[in-house]
């Protein structure tokens, strides 16, 4: 049977490899995904296409929108 592990000479990771995203990061990712699929991102459409509540969208939506704008890559030819 195969067993995958770090070699004994490799340093052990200090924290979990998969860190949980904040709600703002998750919302920004969803906004980017919706935009790339041609869906206009509004509070109503975000609530419809995600598991975020309207209260969460109202509380974190502006920060998430700013983060999504920073993460968006635009190339102009």
PDB file of N, CA and C in Angstrom:
ATOM      1  N   UNK A   1       0.835  -1.168   0.000  1.00  0.00           N
ATOM      2  CA  UNK A   1       0.000   0.000   0.000  1.00  0.00           C
ATOM      3  C   UNK A   1       0.889   1.242   0.000  1.00  0.00           C
ATOM      4  N   UNK A   2       0.502   2.243  -0.784  1.00  0.00           N
ATOM      5  CA  UNK A   2       1.259   3.479  -0.866  1.00  0.00           C
ATOM      6  C   UNK A   2       0.887   4.414   0.277  1.00  0.00           C
ATOM      7  N   UNK A   3       1.894   5.097   0.804  1.00  0.00           N
ATOM      8  CA  UNK A   3       1.669   6.064   1.874  1.00  0.00           C
ATOM      9  C   UNK A   3       2.386   7.352   1.497  1.00  0.00           C
ATOM     10  N   UNK A   4       1.634   8.448   1.390  1.00  0.00           N
ATOM     11  CA  UNK A   4       2.209   9.732   1.018  1.00  0.00           C
ATOM     12  C   UNK A   4       2.413  10.569   2.272  1.00  0.00           C
ATOM     13  N   UNK A   5       3.609  11.081   2.438  1.00  0.00           N
ATOM     14  CA  UNK A   5       3.928  11.937   3.580  1.00  0.00           C
ATOM     15  C   UNK A   5       5.161  12.763   3.245  1.00  0.00           C
ATOM     16  N   UNK A   6       5.399  13.776   4.062  1.00  0.00           N
ATOM     17  CA  UNK A   6       6.610  14.571   3.891  1.00  0.00           C
ATOM     18  C   UNK A   6       7.811  13.725   4.286  1.00  0.00           C
ATOM     19  N   UNK A   7       8.910  13.904   3.565  1.00  0.00           N
ATOM     20  CA  UNK A   7      10.135  13.206   3.920  1.00  0.00           C
ATOM     21  C   UNK A   7      10.580  13.689   5.288  1.00  0.00           C
ATOM     22  N   UNK A   8      11.235  12.837   6.029  1.00  0.00           N
ATOM     23  CA  UNK A   8      11.629  13.176   7.399  1.00  0.00           C
ATOM     24  C   UNK A   8      12.540  14.396   7.469  1.00  0.00           C
ATOM     25  N   UNK A   9      13.232  14.732   6.378  1.00  0.00           N
ATOM     26  CA  UNK A   9      14.105  15.903   6.396  1.00  0.00           C
ATOM     27  C   UNK A   9      13.353  17.193   6.078  1.00  0.00           C
ATOM     28  N   UNK A  10      12.126  17.084   5.612  1.00  0.00           N
ATOM     29  CA  UNK A  10      11.337  18.266   5.271  1.00  0.00           C
ATOM     30  C   UNK A  10      10.749  18.880   6.541  1.00  0.00           C
ATOM     31  N   UNK A  11      10.713  20.211   6.613  1.00  0.00           N
ATOM     32  CA  UNK A  11      10.112  20.840   7.789  1.00  0.00           C
ATOM     33  C   UNK A  11       8.604  20.620   7.810  1.00  0.00           C
ATOM     34  N   UNK A  12       8.067  20.508   8.990  1.00  0.00           N
ATOM     35  CA  UNK A  12       6.621  20.313   9.133  1.00  0.00           C
ATOM     36  C   UNK A  12       5.912  21.642   8.894  1.00  0.00           C
ATOM     37  N   UNK A  13       4.751  21.603   8.239  1.00  0.00           N
ATOM     38  CA  UNK A  13       3.995  22.838   8.043  1.00  0.00           C
ATOM     39  C   UNK A  13       3.564  23.410   9.394  1.00  0.00           C
ATOM     40  N   UNK A  14       3.609  24.739   9.508  1.00  0.00           N
ATOM     41  CA  UNK A  14       3.282  25.373  10.780  1.00  0.00           C
ATOM     42  C   UNK A  14       1.780  25.526  10.988  1.00  0.00           C
ATOM     43  N   UNK A  15       1.015  25.617   9.906  1.00  0.00           N
ATOM     44  CA  UNK A  15      -0.424  25.755  10.048  1.00  0.00           C
ATOM     45  C   UNK A  15      -1.115  24.949   8.960  1.00  0.00           C
ATOM     46  N   UNK A  16      -2.411  24.883   9.043  1.00  0.00           N
ATOM     47  CA  UNK A  16      -3.183  24.117   8.077  1.00  0.00           C
ATOM     48  C   UNK A  16      -2.968  24.662   6.671  1.00  0.00           C
ATOM     49  N   UNK A  17      -2.868  23.776   5.704  1.00  0.00           N
ATOM     50  CA  UNK A  17      -2.629  24.190   4.326  1.00  0.00           C
ATOM     51  C   UNK A  17      -3.849  24.894   3.739  1.00  0.00           C
ATOM     52  N   UNK A  18      -5.020  24.452   4.131  1.00  0.00           N
ATOM     53  CA  UNK A  18      -6.240  25.058   3.623  1.00  0.00           C
ATOM     54  C   UNK A  18      -6.849  25.941   4.703  1.00  0.00           C
ATOM     55  N   UNK A  19      -6.620  27.228   4.596  1.00  0.00           N
ATOM     56  CA  UNK A  19      -7.183  28.166   5.551  1.00  0.00           C
ATOM     57  C   UNK A  19      -8.588  28.537   5.107  1.00  0.00           C
ATOM     58  N   UNK A  20      -9.472  28.698   6.068  1.00  0.00           N
ATOM     59  CA  UNK A  20     -10.847  29.056   5.746  1.00  0.00           C
ATOM     60  C   UNK A  20     -10.898  30.515   5.303  1.00  0.00           C
ATOM     61  N   UNK A  21     -11.616  30.773   4.208  1.00  0.00           N
ATOM     62  CA  UNK A  21     -11.745  32.127   3.688  1.00  0.00           C
ATOM     63  C   UNK A  21     -12.716  32.924   4.545  1.00  0.00           C
ATOM     64  N   UNK A  22     -12.492  34.225   4.586  1.00  0.00           N
ATOM     65  CA  UNK A  22     -13.445  35.093   5.269  1.00  0.00           C
ATOM     66  C   UNK A  22     -14.682  35.246   4.383  1.00  0.00           C
ATOM     67  N   UNK A  23     -15.746  35.743   4.972  1.00  0.00           N
ATOM     68  CA  UNK A  23     -16.982  35.919   4.202  1.00  0.00           C
ATOM     69  C   UNK A  23     -16.780  36.951   3.091  1.00  0.00           C
ATOM     70  N   UNK A  24     -15.950  37.950   3.339  1.00  0.00           N
ATOM     71  CA  UNK A  24     -15.695  38.970   2.313  1.00  0.00           C
ATOM     72  C   UNK A  24     -14.952  38.356   1.129  1.00  0.00           C
ATOM     73  N   UNK A  25     -13.962  37.498   1.406  1.00  0.00           N
ATOM     74  CA  UNK A  25     -13.218  36.836   0.325  1.00  0.00           C
ATOM     75  C   UNK A  25     -14.125  35.895  -0.462  1.00  0.00           C
ATOM     76  N   UNK A  26     -14.970  35.150   0.235  1.00  0.00           N
ATOM     77  CA  UNK A  26     -15.889  34.234  -0.448  1.00  0.00           C
ATOM     78  C   UNK A  26     -16.880  34.995  -1.320  1.00  0.00           C
ATOM     79  N   UNK A  27     -17.372  36.106  -0.794  1.00  0.00           N
ATOM     80  CA  UNK A  27     -18.330  36.907  -1.549  1.00  0.00           C
ATOM     81  C   UNK A  27     -17.661  37.539  -2.766  1.00  0.00           C
ATOM     82  N   UNK A  28     -16.433  38.000  -2.612  1.00  0.00           N
ATOM     83  CA  UNK A  28     -15.699  38.582  -3.742  1.00  0.00           C
ATOM     84  C   UNK A  28     -15.461  37.530  -4.823  1.00  0.00           C
ATOM     85  N   UNK A  29     -15.110  36.312  -4.415  1.00  0.00           N
ATOM     86  CA  UNK A  29     -14.916  35.232  -5.392  1.00  0.00           C
ATOM     87  C   UNK A  29     -16.208  34.948  -6.149  1.00  0.00           C
ATOM     88  N   UNK A  30     -17.332  34.942  -5.435  1.00  0.00           N
ATOM     89  CA  UNK A  30     -18.626  34.685  -6.085  1.00  0.00           C
ATOM     90  C   UNK A  30     -18.975  35.818  -7.045  1.00  0.00           C
ATOM     91  N   UNK A  31     -18.671  37.043  -6.656  1.00  0.00           N
ATOM     92  CA  UNK A  31     -18.935  38.184  -7.546  1.00  0.00           C
ATOM     93  C   UNK A  31     -18.118  38.080  -8.828  1.00  0.00           C
ATOM     94  N   UNK A  32     -16.845  37.717  -8.695  1.00  0.00           N
ATOM     95  CA  UNK A  32     -15.996  37.542  -9.879  1.00  0.00           C
ATOM     96  C   UNK A  32     -16.523  36.429 -10.775  1.00  0.00           C
ATOM     97  N   UNK A  33     -16.919  35.319 -10.154  1.00  0.00           N
ATOM     98  CA  UNK A  33     -17.453  34.183 -10.918  1.00  0.00           C
ATOM     99  C   UNK A  33     -18.708  34.589 -11.678  1.00  0.00           C
ATOM    100  N   UNK A  34     -19.606  35.304 -11.008  1.00  0.00           N
ATOM    101  CA  UNK A  34     -20.834  35.742 -11.672  1.00  0.00           C
ATOM    102  C   UNK A  34     -20.524  36.687 -12.822  1.00  0.00           C
ATOM    103  N   UNK A  35     -19.605  37.608 -12.594  1.00  0.00           N
ATOM    104  CA  UNK A  35     -19.242  38.552 -13.652  1.00  0.00           C
ATOM    105  C   UNK A  35     -18.634  37.872 -14.859  1.00  0.00           C
ATOM    106  N   UNK A  36     -17.806  36.847 -14.612  1.00  0.00           N
ATOM    107  CA  UNK A  36     -17.183  36.127 -15.721  1.00  0.00           C
ATOM    108  C   UNK A  36     -18.200  35.305 -16.506  1.00  0.00           C
ATOM    109  N   UNK A  37     -19.318  34.963 -15.860  1.00  0.00           N
ATOM    110  CA  UNK A  37     -20.361  34.198 -16.541  1.00  0.00           C
ATOM    111  C   UNK A  37     -21.428  35.093 -17.149  1.00  0.00           C
ATOM    112  N   UNK A  38     -21.177  36.389 -17.173  1.00  0.00           N
ATOM    113  CA  UNK A  38     -22.101  37.312 -17.823  1.00  0.00           C
ATOM    114  C   UNK A  38     -23.321  37.653 -17.003  1.00  0.00           C
ATOM    115  N   UNK A  39     -23.277  37.426 -15.708  1.00  0.00           N
ATOM    116  CA  UNK A  39     -24.410  37.737 -14.834  1.00  0.00           C
ATOM    117  C   UNK A  39     -24.122  39.072 -14.163  1.00  0.00           C
ATOM    118  N   UNK A  40     -25.045  40.018 -14.289  1.00  0.00           N
ATOM    119  CA  UNK A  40     -24.883  41.311 -13.631  1.00  0.00           C
ATOM    120  C   UNK A  40     -24.909  41.093 -12.128  1.00  0.00           C
ATOM    121  N   UNK A  41     -23.943  41.655 -11.439  1.00  0.00           N
ATOM    122  CA  UNK A  41     -23.833  41.446  -9.999  1.00  0.00           C
ATOM    123  C   UNK A  41     -24.543  42.574  -9.269  1.00  0.00           C
ATOM    124  N   UNK A  42     -25.671  42.238  -8.691  1.00  0.00           N
ATOM    125  CA  UNK A  42     -26.416  43.150  -7.827  1.00  0.00           C
ATOM    126  C   UNK A  42     -26.680  42.406  -6.527  1.00  0.00           C
ATOM    127  N   UNK A  43     -27.197  43.120  -5.551  1.00  0.00           N
ATOM    128  CA  UNK A  43     -27.510  42.473  -4.274  1.00  0.00           C
ATOM    129  C   UNK A  43     -28.543  41.365  -4.480  1.00  0.00           C
ATOM    130  N   UNK A  44     -29.529  41.620  -5.325  1.00  0.00           N
ATOM    131  CA  UNK A  44     -30.566  40.615  -5.575  1.00  0.00           C
ATOM    132  C   UNK A  44     -30.004  39.395  -6.296  1.00  0.00           C
ATOM    133  N   UNK A  45     -29.191  39.631  -7.332  1.00  0.00           N
ATOM    134  CA  UNK A  45     -28.656  38.483  -8.077  1.00  0.00           C
ATOM    135  C   UNK A  45     -27.653  37.699  -7.242  1.00  0.00           C
ATOM    136  N   UNK A  46     -26.892  38.392  -6.379  1.00  0.00           N
ATOM    137  CA  UNK A  46     -25.954  37.698  -5.502  1.00  0.00           C
ATOM    138  C   UNK A  46     -26.701  36.821  -4.505  1.00  0.00           C
ATOM    139  N   UNK A  47     -27.791  37.331  -3.960  1.00  0.00           N
ATOM    140  CA  UNK A  47     -28.595  36.529  -3.035  1.00  0.00           C
ATOM    141  C   UNK A  47     -29.219  35.332  -3.744  1.00  0.00           C
ATOM    142  N   UNK A  48     -29.602  35.522  -5.004  1.00  0.00           N
ATOM    143  CA  UNK A  48     -30.237  34.457  -5.778  1.00  0.00           C
ATOM    144  C   UNK A  48     -29.257  33.355  -6.163  1.00  0.00           C
ATOM    145  N   UNK A  49     -28.015  33.726  -6.492  1.00  0.00           N
ATOM    146  CA  UNK A  49     -27.040  32.769  -7.002  1.00  0.00           C
ATOM    147  C   UNK A  49     -26.029  32.288  -5.969  1.00  0.00           C
ATOM    148  N   UNK A  50     -26.254  32.595  -4.708  1.00  0.00           N
ATOM    149  CA  UNK A  50     -25.319  32.172  -3.672  1.00  0.00           C
ATOM    150  C   UNK A  50     -26.074  31.810  -2.399  1.00  0.00           C
ATOM    151  N   UNK A  51     -25.319  31.422  -1.404  1.00  0.00           N
ATOM    152  CA  UNK A  51     -25.931  31.068  -0.123  1.00  0.00           C
ATOM    153  C   UNK A  51     -25.831  32.219   0.880  1.00  0.00           C
ATOM    154  N   UNK A  52     -25.420  33.403   0.434  1.00  0.00           N
ATOM    155  CA  UNK A  52     -25.316  34.556   1.325  1.00  0.00           C
ATOM    156  C   UNK A  52     -26.704  35.118   1.611  1.00  0.00           C
ATOM    157  N   UNK A  53     -26.927  35.495   2.849  1.00  0.00           N
ATOM    158  CA  UNK A  53     -28.200  36.117   3.198  1.00  0.00           C
ATOM    159  C   UNK A  53     -28.160  37.588   2.796  1.00  0.00           C
ATOM    160  N   UNK A  54     -29.321  38.191   2.725  1.00  0.00           N
ATOM    161  CA  UNK A  54     -29.381  39.608   2.371  1.00  0.00           C
ATOM    162  C   UNK A  54     -28.708  40.473   3.431  1.00  0.00           C
ATOM    163  N   UNK A  55     -28.779  40.060   4.689  1.00  0.00           N
ATOM    164  CA  UNK A  55     -28.107  40.802   5.766  1.00  0.00           C
ATOM    165  C   UNK A  55     -26.592  40.744   5.599  1.00  0.00           C
ATOM    166  N   UNK A  56     -26.064  39.565   5.228  1.00  0.00           N
ATOM    167  CA  UNK A  56     -24.624  39.427   4.992  1.00  0.00           C
ATOM    168  C   UNK A  56     -24.196  40.267   3.796  1.00  0.00           C
ATOM    169  N   UNK A  57     -25.007  40.276   2.762  1.00  0.00           N
ATOM    170  CA  UNK A  57     -24.692  41.055   1.562  1.00  0.00           C
ATOM    171  C   UNK A  57     -24.690  42.543   1.896  1.00  0.00           C
ATOM    172  N   UNK A  58     -25.657  42.977   2.681  1.00  0.00           N
ATOM    173  CA  UNK A  58     -25.725  44.386   3.067  1.00  0.00           C
ATOM    174  C   UNK A  58     -24.530  44.777   3.937  1.00  0.00           C
ATOM    175  N   UNK A  59     -24.126  43.872   4.828  1.00  0.00           N
ATOM    176  CA  UNK A  59     -23.032  44.152   5.762  1.00  0.00           C
ATOM    177  C   UNK A  59     -21.665  44.121   5.089  1.00  0.00           C
ATOM    178  N   UNK A  60     -21.442  43.139   4.186  1.00  0.00           N
ATOM    179  CA  UNK A  60     -20.102  42.920   3.625  1.00  0.00           C
ATOM    180  C   UNK A  60     -19.995  43.189   2.123  1.00  0.00           C
ATOM    181  N   UNK A  61     -21.086  43.544   1.491  1.00  0.00           N
ATOM    182  CA  UNK A  61     -21.109  43.674   0.041  1.00  0.00           C
ATOM    183  C   UNK A  61     -20.154  44.712  -0.519  1.00  0.00           C
ATOM    184  N   UNK A  62     -20.070  45.868   0.122  1.00  0.00           N
ATOM    185  CA  UNK A  62     -19.196  46.926  -0.402  1.00  0.00           C
ATOM    186  C   UNK A  62     -17.724  46.528  -0.314  1.00  0.00           C
ATOM    187  N   UNK A  63     -17.334  45.928   0.810  1.00  0.00           N
ATOM    188  CA  UNK A  63     -15.941  45.470   0.941  1.00  0.00           C
ATOM    189  C   UNK A  63     -15.634  44.365  -0.059  1.00  0.00           C
ATOM    190  N   UNK A  64     -16.601  43.456  -0.257  1.00  0.00           N
ATOM    191  CA  UNK A  64     -16.406  42.359  -1.206  1.00  0.00           C
ATOM    192  C   UNK A  64     -16.311  42.896  -2.631  1.00  0.00           C
ATOM    193  N   UNK A  65     -17.118  43.893  -2.953  1.00  0.00           N
ATOM    194  CA  UNK A  65     -17.068  44.484  -4.293  1.00  0.00           C
ATOM    195  C   UNK A  65     -15.717  45.148  -4.535  1.00  0.00           C
ATOM    196  N   UNK A  66     -15.205  45.850  -3.513  1.00  0.00           N
ATOM    197  CA  UNK A  66     -13.878  46.469  -3.651  1.00  0.00           C
ATOM    198  C   UNK A  66     -12.799  45.411  -3.858  1.00  0.00           C
ATOM    199  N   UNK A  67     -12.885  44.303  -3.107  1.00  0.00           N
ATOM    200  CA  UNK A  67     -11.901  43.233  -3.240  1.00  0.00           C
ATOM    201  C   UNK A  67     -11.996  42.579  -4.615  1.00  0.00           C
ATOM    202  N   UNK A  68     -13.221  42.383  -5.098  1.00  0.00           N
ATOM    203  CA  UNK A  68     -13.408  41.777  -6.421  1.00  0.00           C
ATOM    204  C   UNK A  68     -12.824  42.677  -7.508  1.00  0.00           C
ATOM    205  N   UNK A  69     -12.987  43.980  -7.364  1.00  0.00           N
ATOM    206  CA  UNK A  69     -12.419  44.916  -8.350  1.00  0.00           C
ATOM    207  C   UNK A  69     -10.897  44.849  -8.354  1.00  0.00           C
ATOM    208  N   UNK A  70     -10.309  44.719  -7.158  1.00  0.00           N
ATOM    209  CA  UNK A  70      -8.844  44.622  -7.081  1.00  0.00           C
ATOM    210  C   UNK A  70      -8.353  43.317  -7.699  1.00  0.00           C
ATOM    211  N   UNK A  71      -9.112  42.234  -7.555  1.00  0.00           N
ATOM    212  CA  UNK A  71      -8.688  40.934  -8.064  1.00  0.00           C
ATOM    213  C   UNK A  71      -8.935  40.753  -9.552  1.00  0.00           C
ATOM    214  N   UNK A  72      -9.833  41.563 -10.100  1.00  0.00           N
ATOM    215  CA  UNK A  72     -10.198  41.427 -11.517  1.00  0.00           C
ATOM    216  C   UNK A  72      -9.004  41.801 -12.378  1.00  0.00           C
ATOM    217  N   UNK A  73      -8.758  40.998 -13.394  1.00  0.00           N
ATOM    218  CA  UNK A  73      -7.672  41.250 -14.326  1.00  0.00           C
ATOM    219  C   UNK A  73      -8.276  41.690 -15.643  1.00  0.00           C
ATOM    220  N   UNK A  74      -7.919  42.882 -16.053  1.00  0.00           N
ATOM    221  CA  UNK A  74      -8.456  43.409 -17.313  1.00  0.00           C
ATOM    222  C   UNK A  74      -7.299  43.597 -18.265  1.00  0.00           C
ATOM    223  N   UNK A  75      -7.454  43.077 -19.449  1.00  0.00           N
ATOM    224  CA  UNK A  75      -6.431  43.233 -20.479  1.00  0.00           C
ATOM    225  C   UNK A  75      -7.017  43.992 -21.650  1.00  0.00           C
ATOM    226  N   UNK A  76      -6.375  45.078 -21.975  1.00  0.00           N
ATOM    227  CA  UNK A  76      -6.822  45.895 -23.087  1.00  0.00           C
ATOM    228  C   UNK A  76      -5.833  45.727 -24.213  1.00  0.00           C
ATOM    229  N   UNK A  77      -6.327  45.335 -25.366  1.00  0.00           N
ATOM    230  CA  UNK A  77      -5.437  45.083 -26.505  1.00  0.00           C
ATOM    231  C   UNK A  77      -5.112  46.342 -27.250  1.00  0.00           C
TER     232      UNK A  77
END
